[in-house]
Amino acid sequence: EVQLVESGGGLVQAGGSLRLSCAASGFTFDDYAIGWFRQAPGKEREGIAGISDNDGRTDYADSVKGRFTISSDVAKKIVYLQINDLRPEDTAVYSCAAAPVWAYCSAYGCFSARIYDYWGQGTQVTVSS
């Protein structure tokens, strides 16, 4: 059974940090890139970070560059999202998803939902001012 399980969300004050985790199982981890997405209430889902260990690349949305860092532990099949200097506008449900490496950052870009085969349920991040 394919699973992507996010954890690490919570309630934090502005300026704080969180590290989100995405644990993958049930598919060949090396064949997939992992993306992080977020969706705030009343807003569209936004792709914010992605990693492909297959070709050693990481990608970020402009809105999070400099504050968010994506990394992976291939042996453990976990992808992390370190979030620093949290702001109230970062409040959202954060989800991870898996896309085949051949499709990642290809014809449809890095964060188009159409290239992602598997999705997690998400973890809530709430930032208080």
Foldseek 3Di string as FASTA:
>chain_A
DWAWAKDWADEEAAQAKIKMKIATDDDDLLQKKKWKWWDDPPGDIGTAKIAHPNVGDIDGDPVQPPFWDWDDDNVRRMIMIIGGRDDQVVWTWMKMFIFGPVPACPPVGHDDPVRTDDIHPTDTHGYHD
